[in-house]
Amino acid sequence: MDTKTTGIVAYLTWIGLLVAFLAGDKEGAKFHINQSLVLFLFGLLGAIPFVGWAWDVFIFVCWIIAFVGACQGQEKEVPLLGKIKIIK
């Protein structure tokens, strides 16, 4: 997969994240793979009652921003969580 396709696939589901990490252009799409992983992990905080639901709405909005950026071939950091780097 090319860089743009790998970036898009990384945001689709956690399975897409695994496919992008294992079979995609890992070096070219490292930014999007990292952003997707951060969104996925912080999205797990949505299991907390009341506060978690509002957090899930925030994560969903961040996911839309990141997905649109990947579709356009841009590297847009998501608000608040964009500076976190899990994959170096």
PDB file of N, CA and C in Angstrom:
ATOM      1  N   MET A   1       0.841  -1.178   0.000  1.00  0.00           N
ATOM      2  CA  MET A   1       0.000   0.000   0.000  1.00  0.00           C
ATOM      3  C   MET A   1       0.888   1.243   0.000  1.00  0.00           C
ATOM      4  N   ASP A   2       0.427   2.272  -0.651  1.00  0.00           N
ATOM      5  CA  ASP A   2       1.182   3.525  -0.644  1.00  0.00           C
ATOM      6  C   ASP A   2       0.910   4.284   0.658  1.00  0.00           C
ATOM      7  N   THR A   3       1.572   5.394   0.828  1.00  0.00           N
ATOM      8  CA  THR A   3       1.506   6.148   2.079  1.00  0.00           C
ATOM      9  C   THR A   3       0.096   6.660   2.371  1.00  0.00           C
ATOM     10  N   LYS A   4      -0.560   7.219   1.376  1.00  0.00           N
ATOM     11  CA  LYS A   4      -1.896   7.788   1.587  1.00  0.00           C
ATOM     12  C   LYS A   4      -2.894   6.692   1.951  1.00  0.00           C
ATOM     13  N   THR A   5      -2.866   5.577   1.252  1.00  0.00           N
ATOM     14  CA  THR A   5      -3.774   4.473   1.540  1.00  0.00           C
ATOM     15  C   THR A   5      -3.512   3.903   2.926  1.00  0.00           C
ATOM     16  N   THR A   6      -2.252   3.763   3.289  1.00  0.00           N
ATOM     17  CA  THR A   6      -1.906   3.255   4.613  1.00  0.00           C
ATOM     18  C   THR A   6      -2.432   4.191   5.694  1.00  0.00           C
ATOM     19  N   GLY A   7      -2.308   5.491   5.494  1.00  0.00           N
ATOM     20  CA  GLY A   7      -2.824   6.464   6.458  1.00  0.00           C
ATOM     21  C   GLY A   7      -4.330   6.378   6.617  1.00  0.00           C
ATOM     22  N   ILE A   8      -5.041   6.196   5.518  1.00  0.00           N
ATOM     23  CA  ILE A   8      -6.501   6.087   5.572  1.00  0.00           C
ATOM     24  C   ILE A   8      -6.915   4.797   6.269  1.00  0.00           C
ATOM     25  N   VAL A   9      -6.302   3.695   5.923  1.00  0.00           N
ATOM     26  CA  VAL A   9      -6.645   2.390   6.515  1.00  0.00           C
ATOM     27  C   VAL A   9      -6.376   2.393   8.020  1.00  0.00           C
ATOM     28  N   ALA A  10      -5.364   3.108   8.451  1.00  0.00           N
ATOM     29  CA  ALA A  10      -5.013   3.140   9.876  1.00  0.00           C
ATOM     30  C   ALA A  10      -6.141   3.679  10.736  1.00  0.00           C
ATOM     31  N   TYR A  11      -6.987   4.549  10.185  1.00  0.00           N
ATOM     32  CA  TYR A  11      -8.064   5.162  10.962  1.00  0.00           C
ATOM     33  C   TYR A  11      -9.370   4.376  10.934  1.00  0.00           C
ATOM     34  N   LEU A  12      -9.481   3.356  10.103  1.00  0.00           N
ATOM     35  CA  LEU A  12     -10.781   2.708   9.925  1.00  0.00           C
ATOM     36  C   LEU A  12     -11.236   1.916  11.149  1.00  0.00           C
ATOM     37  N   THR A  13     -10.473   0.990  11.621  1.00  0.00           N
ATOM     38  CA  THR A  13     -10.791   0.225  12.833  1.00  0.00           C
ATOM     39  C   THR A  13      -9.480  -0.190  13.461  1.00  0.00           C
ATOM     40  N   TRP A  14      -9.529  -0.890  14.569  1.00  0.00           N
ATOM     41  CA  TRP A  14      -8.274  -1.378  15.160  1.00  0.00           C
ATOM     42  C   TRP A  14      -7.658  -2.444  14.263  1.00  0.00           C
ATOM     43  N   ILE A  15      -8.489  -3.146  13.489  1.00  0.00           N
ATOM     44  CA  ILE A  15      -7.955  -4.113  12.524  1.00  0.00           C
ATOM     45  C   ILE A  15      -7.229  -3.366  11.403  1.00  0.00           C
ATOM     46  N   GLY A  16      -7.804  -2.267  10.956  1.00  0.00           N
ATOM     47  CA  GLY A  16      -7.144  -1.434   9.954  1.00  0.00           C
ATOM     48  C   GLY A  16      -5.826  -0.886  10.457  1.00  0.00           C
ATOM     49  N   LEU A  17      -5.784  -0.546  11.747  1.00  0.00           N
ATOM     50  CA  LEU A  17      -4.538  -0.091  12.352  1.00  0.00           C
ATOM     51  C   LEU A  17      -3.479  -1.186  12.294  1.00  0.00           C
ATOM     52  N   LEU A  18      -3.869  -2.416  12.614  1.00  0.00           N
ATOM     53  CA  LEU A  18      -2.933  -3.538  12.535  1.00  0.00           C
ATOM     54  C   LEU A  18      -2.469  -3.786  11.103  1.00  0.00           C
ATOM     55  N   VAL A  19      -3.393  -3.724  10.150  1.00  0.00           N
ATOM     56  CA  VAL A  19      -3.039  -3.931   8.744  1.00  0.00           C
ATOM     57  C   VAL A  19      -2.067  -2.840   8.285  1.00  0.00           C
ATOM     58  N   ALA A  20      -2.349  -1.590   8.650  1.00  0.00           N
ATOM     59  CA  ALA A  20      -1.466  -0.492   8.260  1.00  0.00           C
ATOM     60  C   ALA A  20      -0.088  -0.661   8.884  1.00  0.00           C
ATOM     61  N   PHE A  21      -0.049  -1.119  10.127  1.00  0.00           N
ATOM     62  CA  PHE A  21       1.230  -1.283  10.813  1.00  0.00           C
ATOM     63  C   PHE A  21       2.023  -2.445  10.244  1.00  0.00           C
ATOM     64  N   LEU A  22       1.352  -3.542   9.910  1.00  0.00           N
ATOM     65  CA  LEU A  22       2.047  -4.745   9.467  1.00  0.00           C
ATOM     66  C   LEU A  22       2.294  -4.798   7.961  1.00  0.00           C
ATOM     67  N   ALA A  23       1.333  -4.313   7.159  1.00  0.00           N
ATOM     68  CA  ALA A  23       1.435  -4.508   5.714  1.00  0.00           C
ATOM     69  C   ALA A  23       1.593  -3.213   4.925  1.00  0.00           C
ATOM     70  N   GLY A  24       1.417  -2.081   5.567  1.00  0.00           N
ATOM     71  CA  GLY A  24       1.454  -0.827   4.831  1.00  0.00           C
ATOM     72  C   GLY A  24       2.832  -0.201   4.789  1.00  0.00           C
ATOM     73  N   ASP A  25       2.880   0.987   4.235  1.00  0.00           N
ATOM     74  CA  ASP A  25       4.102   1.778   4.164  1.00  0.00           C
ATOM     75  C   ASP A  25       4.323   2.403   5.538  1.00  0.00           C
ATOM     76  N   LYS A  26       4.954   1.642   6.428  1.00  0.00           N
ATOM     77  CA  LYS A  26       5.073   2.044   7.828  1.00  0.00           C
ATOM     78  C   LYS A  26       5.853   3.347   7.990  1.00  0.00           C
ATOM     79  N   GLU A  27       6.928   3.520   7.270  1.00  0.00           N
ATOM     80  CA  GLU A  27       7.742   4.726   7.419  1.00  0.00           C
ATOM     81  C   GLU A  27       7.021   5.960   6.879  1.00  0.00           C
ATOM     82  N   GLY A  28       6.358   5.824   5.741  1.00  0.00           N
ATOM     83  CA  GLY A  28       5.676   6.965   5.145  1.00  0.00           C
ATOM     84  C   GLY A  28       4.439   7.388   5.906  1.00  0.00           C
ATOM     85  N   ALA A  29       3.752   6.436   6.508  1.00  0.00           N
ATOM     86  CA  ALA A  29       2.494   6.722   7.204  1.00  0.00           C
ATOM     87  C   ALA A  29       2.648   6.622   8.712  1.00  0.00           C
ATOM     88  N   LYS A  30       3.863   6.713   9.202  1.00  0.00           N
ATOM     89  CA  LYS A  30       4.107   6.583  10.646  1.00  0.00           C
ATOM     90  C   LYS A  30       3.291   7.607  11.443  1.00  0.00           C
ATOM     91  N   PHE A  31       3.161   8.815  10.919  1.00  0.00           N
ATOM     92  CA  PHE A  31       2.392   9.856  11.597  1.00  0.00           C
ATOM     93  C   PHE A  31       0.952   9.417  11.803  1.00  0.00           C
ATOM     94  N   HIS A  32       0.306   8.916  10.751  1.00  0.00           N
ATOM     95  CA  HIS A  32      -1.101   8.529  10.844  1.00  0.00           C
ATOM     96  C   HIS A  32      -1.291   7.267  11.681  1.00  0.00           C
ATOM     97  N   ILE A  33      -0.361   6.347  11.605  1.00  0.00           N
ATOM     98  CA  ILE A  33      -0.442   5.145  12.444  1.00  0.00           C
ATOM     99  C   ILE A  33      -0.344   5.543  13.910  1.00  0.00           C
ATOM    100  N   ASN A  34       0.555   6.456  14.235  1.00  0.00           N
ATOM    101  CA  ASN A  34       0.699   6.926  15.610  1.00  0.00           C
ATOM    102  C   ASN A  34      -0.564   7.648  16.081  1.00  0.00           C
ATOM    103  N   GLN A  35      -1.092   8.544  15.253  1.00  0.00           N
ATOM    104  CA  GLN A  35      -2.295   9.279  15.631  1.00  0.00           C
ATOM    105  C   GLN A  35      -3.469   8.325  15.857  1.00  0.00           C
ATOM    106  N   SER A  36      -3.605   7.343  14.992  1.00  0.00           N
ATOM    107  CA  SER A  36      -4.685   6.371  15.135  1.00  0.00           C
ATOM    108  C   SER A  36      -4.539   5.571  16.419  1.00  0.00           C
ATOM    109  N   LEU A  37      -3.330   5.165  16.740  1.00  0.00           N
ATOM    110  CA  LEU A  37      -3.074   4.414  17.972  1.00  0.00           C
ATOM    111  C   LEU A  37      -3.387   5.260  19.202  1.00  0.00           C
ATOM    112  N   VAL A  38      -2.995   6.520  19.195  1.00  0.00           N
ATOM    113  CA  VAL A  38      -3.291   7.423  20.315  1.00  0.00           C
ATOM    114  C   VAL A  38      -4.803   7.596  20.469  1.00  0.00           C
ATOM    115  N   LEU A  39      -5.505   7.816  19.367  1.00  0.00           N
ATOM    116  CA  LEU A  39      -6.960   7.970  19.438  1.00  0.00           C
ATOM    117  C   LEU A  39      -7.629   6.705  19.951  1.00  0.00           C
ATOM    118  N   PHE A  40      -7.156   5.547  19.496  1.00  0.00           N
ATOM    119  CA  PHE A  40      -7.726   4.282  19.952  1.00  0.00           C
ATOM    120  C   PHE A  40      -7.522   4.097  21.454  1.00  0.00           C
ATOM    121  N   LEU A  41      -6.297   4.304  21.927  1.00  0.00           N
ATOM    122  CA  LEU A  41      -6.008   4.094  23.349  1.00  0.00           C
ATOM    123  C   LEU A  41      -6.748   5.086  24.241  1.00  0.00           C
ATOM    124  N   PHE A  42      -6.773   6.351  23.856  1.00  0.00           N
ATOM    125  CA  PHE A  42      -7.497   7.331  24.661  1.00  0.00           C
ATOM    126  C   PHE A  42      -9.008   7.174  24.522  1.00  0.00           C
ATOM    127  N   GLY A  43      -9.463   6.579  23.436  1.00  0.00           N
ATOM    128  CA  GLY A  43     -10.887   6.286  23.274  1.00  0.00           C
ATOM    129  C   GLY A  43     -11.385   5.258  24.269  1.00  0.00           C
ATOM    130  N   LEU A  44     -10.488   4.439  24.777  1.00  0.00           N
ATOM    131  CA  LEU A  44     -10.869   3.450  25.786  1.00  0.00           C
ATOM    132  C   LEU A  44     -11.325   4.107  27.080  1.00  0.00           C
ATOM    133  N   LEU A  45     -10.958   5.359  27.302  1.00  0.00           N
ATOM    134  CA  LEU A  45     -11.412   6.084  28.483  1.00  0.00           C
ATOM    135  C   LEU A  45     -12.904   6.391  28.418  1.00  0.00           C
ATOM    136  N   GLY A  46     -13.510   6.172  27.274  1.00  0.00           N
ATOM    137  CA  GLY A  46     -14.945   6.387  27.122  1.00  0.00           C
ATOM    138  C   GLY A  46     -15.782   5.423  27.928  1.00  0.00           C
ATOM    139  N   ALA A  47     -15.170   4.405  28.502  1.00  0.00           N
ATOM    140  CA  ALA A  47     -15.895   3.450  29.330  1.00  0.00           C
ATOM    141  C   ALA A  47     -16.269   4.030  30.694  1.00  0.00           C
ATOM    142  N   ILE A  48     -15.689   5.169  31.043  1.00  0.00           N
ATOM    143  CA  ILE A  48     -16.017   5.821  32.311  1.00  0.00           C
ATOM    144  C   ILE A  48     -17.397   6.469  32.178  1.00  0.00           C
ATOM    145  N   PRO A  49     -18.330   6.158  33.071  1.00  0.00           N
ATOM    146  CA  PRO A  49     -19.685   6.725  32.967  1.00  0.00           C
ATOM    147  C   PRO A  49     -19.681   8.258  33.011  1.00  0.00           C
ATOM    148  N   PHE A  50     -20.613   8.858  32.292  1.00  0.00           N
ATOM    149  CA  PHE A  50     -20.868  10.288  32.199  1.00  0.00           C
ATOM    150  C   PHE A  50     -19.709  11.061  31.584  1.00  0.00           C
ATOM    151  N   VAL A  51     -18.592  11.170  32.249  1.00  0.00           N
ATOM    152  CA  VAL A  51     -17.443  11.904  31.718  1.00  0.00           C
ATOM    153  C   VAL A  51     -16.908  11.218  30.465  1.00  0.00           C
ATOM    154  N   GLY A  52     -16.907   9.896  30.476  1.00  0.00           N
ATOM    155  CA  GLY A  52     -16.405   9.133  29.343  1.00  0.00           C
ATOM    156  C   GLY A  52     -17.216   9.339  28.082  1.00  0.00           C
ATOM    157  N   TRP A  53     -18.497   9.579  28.236  1.00  0.00           N
ATOM    158  CA  TRP A  53     -19.337   9.787  27.055  1.00  0.00           C
ATOM    159  C   TRP A  53     -18.971  11.096  26.364  1.00  0.00           C
ATOM    160  N   ALA A  54     -18.759  12.133  27.140  1.00  0.00           N
ATOM    161  CA  ALA A  54     -18.317  13.405  26.559  1.00  0.00           C
ATOM    162  C   ALA A  54     -16.926  13.238  25.938  1.00  0.00           C
ATOM    163  N   TRP A  55     -16.086  12.458  26.596  1.00  0.00           N
ATOM    164  CA  TRP A  55     -14.745  12.193  26.073  1.00  0.00           C
ATOM    165  C   TRP A  55     -14.841  11.474  24.734  1.00  0.00           C
ATOM    166  N   ASP A  56     -15.776  10.527  24.605  1.00  0.00           N
ATOM    167  CA  ASP A  56     -15.953   9.813  23.340  1.00  0.00           C
ATOM    168  C   ASP A  56     -16.369  10.747  22.212  1.00  0.00           C
ATOM    169  N   VAL A  57     -17.181  11.742  22.511  1.00  0.00           N
ATOM    170  CA  VAL A  57     -17.565  12.722  21.495  1.00  0.00           C
ATOM    171  C   VAL A  57     -16.326  13.495  21.040  1.00  0.00           C
ATOM    172  N   PHE A  58     -15.484  13.884  21.989  1.00  0.00           N
ATOM    173  CA  PHE A  58     -14.238  14.583  21.660  1.00  0.00           C
ATOM    174  C   PHE A  58     -13.330  13.700  20.802  1.00  0.00           C
ATOM    175  N   ILE A  59     -13.189  12.442  21.175  1.00  0.00           N
ATOM    176  CA  ILE A  59     -12.352  11.505  20.419  1.00  0.00           C
ATOM    177  C   ILE A  59     -12.903  11.327  19.004  1.00  0.00           C
ATOM    178  N   PHE A  60     -14.228  11.256  18.869  1.00  0.00           N
ATOM    179  CA  PHE A  60     -14.845  11.105  17.549  1.00  0.00           C
ATOM    180  C   PHE A  60     -14.554  12.325  16.666  1.00  0.00           C
ATOM    181  N   VAL A  61     -14.652  13.511  17.231  1.00  0.00           N
ATOM    182  CA  VAL A  61     -14.348  14.730  16.473  1.00  0.00           C
ATOM    183  C   VAL A  61     -12.868  14.736  16.055  1.00  0.00           C
ATOM    184  N   CYS A  62     -11.991  14.326  16.973  1.00  0.00           N
ATOM    185  CA  CYS A  62     -10.563  14.231  16.638  1.00  0.00           C
ATOM    186  C   CYS A  62     -10.341  13.201  15.540  1.00  0.00           C
ATOM    187  N   TRP A  63     -11.073  12.092  15.598  1.00  0.00           N
ATOM    188  CA  TRP A  63     -10.945  11.052  14.575  1.00  0.00           C
ATOM    189  C   TRP A  63     -11.348  11.603  13.201  1.00  0.00           C
ATOM    190  N   ILE A  64     -12.421  12.367  13.157  1.00  0.00           N
ATOM    191  CA  ILE A  64     -12.865  12.958  11.882  1.00  0.00           C
ATOM    192  C   ILE A  64     -11.797  13.899  11.334  1.00  0.00           C
ATOM    193  N   ILE A  65     -11.224  14.747  12.202  1.00  0.00           N
ATOM    194  CA  ILE A  65     -10.167  15.668  11.774  1.00  0.00           C
ATOM    195  C   ILE A  65      -8.987  14.891  11.200  1.00  0.00           C
ATOM    196  N   ALA A  66      -8.576  13.849  11.901  1.00  0.00           N
ATOM    197  CA  ALA A  66      -7.424  13.055  11.468  1.00  0.00           C
ATOM    198  C   ALA A  66      -7.732  12.294  10.180  1.00  0.00           C
ATOM    199  N   PHE A  67      -8.923  11.720  10.066  1.00  0.00           N
ATOM    200  CA  PHE A  67      -9.303  10.952   8.879  1.00  0.00           C
ATOM    201  C   PHE A  67      -9.359  11.839   7.643  1.00  0.00           C
ATOM    202  N   VAL A  68      -9.945  13.020   7.784  1.00  0.00           N
ATOM    203  CA  VAL A  68     -10.008  13.953   6.653  1.00  0.00           C
ATOM    204  C   VAL A  68      -8.594  14.381   6.247  1.00  0.00           C
ATOM    205  N   GLY A  69      -7.741  14.614   7.225  1.00  0.00           N
ATOM    206  CA  GLY A  69      -6.351  14.956   6.919  1.00  0.00           C
ATOM    207  C   GLY A  69      -5.642  13.841   6.167  1.00  0.00           C
ATOM    208  N   ALA A  70      -5.889  12.587   6.576  1.00  0.00           N
ATOM    209  CA  ALA A  70      -5.277  11.447   5.879  1.00  0.00           C
ATOM    210  C   ALA A  70      -5.813  11.335   4.459  1.00  0.00           C
ATOM    211  N   CYS A  71      -7.093  11.589   4.266  1.00  0.00           N
ATOM    212  CA  CYS A  71      -7.679  11.522   2.924  1.00  0.00           C
ATOM    213  C   CYS A  71      -7.100  12.603   2.013  1.00  0.00           C
ATOM    214  N   GLN A  72      -6.750  13.736   2.586  1.00  0.00           N
ATOM    215  CA  GLN A  72      -6.168  14.829   1.813  1.00  0.00           C
ATOM    216  C   GLN A  72      -4.653  14.713   1.692  1.00  0.00           C
ATOM    217  N   GLY A  73      -4.072  13.723   2.338  1.00  0.00           N
ATOM    218  CA  GLY A  73      -2.629  13.532   2.271  1.00  0.00           C
ATOM    219  C   GLY A  73      -1.853  14.487   3.157  1.00  0.00           C
ATOM    220  N   GLN A  74      -2.513  15.059   4.168  1.00  0.00           N
ATOM    221  CA  GLN A  74      -1.865  16.008   5.070  1.00  0.00           C
ATOM    222  C   GLN A  74      -1.601  15.352   6.421  1.00  0.00           C
ATOM    223  N   GLU A  75      -0.689  15.916   7.174  1.00  0.00           N
ATOM    224  CA  GLU A  75      -0.398  15.444   8.521  1.00  0.00           C
ATOM    225  C   GLU A  75      -0.917  16.466   9.518  1.00  0.00           C
ATOM    226  N   LYS A  76      -2.206  16.376   9.841  1.00  0.00           N
ATOM    227  CA  LYS A  76      -2.827  17.289  10.801  1.00  0.00           C
ATOM    228  C   LYS A  76      -2.840  16.634  12.167  1.00  0.00           C
ATOM    229  N   GLU A  77      -2.234  17.298  13.134  1.00  0.00           N
ATOM    230  CA  GLU A  77      -2.281  16.779  14.498  1.00  0.00           C
ATOM    231  C   GLU A  77      -3.664  17.045  15.088  1.00  0.00           C
ATOM    232  N   VAL A  78      -4.152  16.084  15.853  1.00  0.00           N
ATOM    233  CA  VAL A  78      -5.450  16.263  16.497  1.00  0.00           C
ATOM    234  C   VAL A  78      -5.276  17.160  17.719  1.00  0.00           C
ATOM    235  N   PRO A  79      -6.328  17.895  18.090  1.00  0.00           N
ATOM    236  CA  PRO A  79      -6.214  18.770  19.253  1.00  0.00           C
ATOM    237  C   PRO A  79      -5.968  17.983  20.536  1.00  0.00           C
ATOM    238  N   LEU A  80      -5.194  18.538  21.411  1.00  0.00           N
ATOM    239  CA  LEU A  80      -4.908  18.034  22.757  1.00  0.00           C
ATOM    240  C   LEU A  80      -4.063  16.755  22.780  1.00  0.00           C
ATOM    241  N   LEU A  81      -4.264  15.831  21.867  1.00  0.00           N
ATOM    242  CA  LEU A  81      -3.565  14.562  21.894  1.00  0.00           C
ATOM    243  C   LEU A  81      -2.517  14.430  20.783  1.00  0.00           C
ATOM    244  N   GLY A  82      -2.439  15.395  19.907  1.00  0.00           N
ATOM    245  CA  GLY A  82      -1.588  15.288  18.728  1.00  0.00           C
ATOM    246  C   GLY A  82      -0.098  15.239  18.996  1.00  0.00           C
ATOM    247  N   LYS A  83       0.338  15.770  20.112  1.00  0.00           N
ATOM    248  CA  LYS A  83       1.782  15.804  20.419  1.00  0.00           C
ATOM    249  C   LYS A  83       2.283  14.486  21.003  1.00  0.00           C
ATOM    250  N   ILE A  84       1.395  13.577  21.373  1.00  0.00           N
ATOM    251  CA  ILE A  84       1.797  12.318  21.986  1.00  0.00           C
ATOM    252  C   ILE A  84       2.358  11.390  20.920  1.00  0.00           C
ATOM    253  N   LYS A  85       3.558  10.893  21.146  1.00  0.00           N
ATOM    254  CA  LYS A  85       4.217   9.999  20.193  1.00  0.00           C
ATOM    255  C   LYS A  85       4.428   8.653  20.861  1.00  0.00           C
ATOM    256  N   ILE A  86       3.752   7.628  20.373  1.00  0.00           N
ATOM    257  CA  ILE A  86       3.932   6.261  20.874  1.00  0.00           C
ATOM    258  C   ILE A  86       4.917   5.527  19.977  1.00  0.00           C
ATOM    259  N   ILE A  87       4.778   5.729  18.677  1.00  0.00           N
ATOM    260  CA  ILE A  87       5.669   5.099  17.695  1.00  0.00           C
ATOM    261  C   ILE A  87       6.705   6.138  17.277  1.00  0.00           C
ATOM    262  N   LYS A  88       7.943   5.831  17.504  1.00  0.00           N
ATOM    263  CA  LYS A  88       9.023   6.778  17.174  1.00  0.00           C
ATOM    264  C   LYS A  88       9.512   6.564  15.764  1.00  0.00           C
TER     265      LYS A  88
END
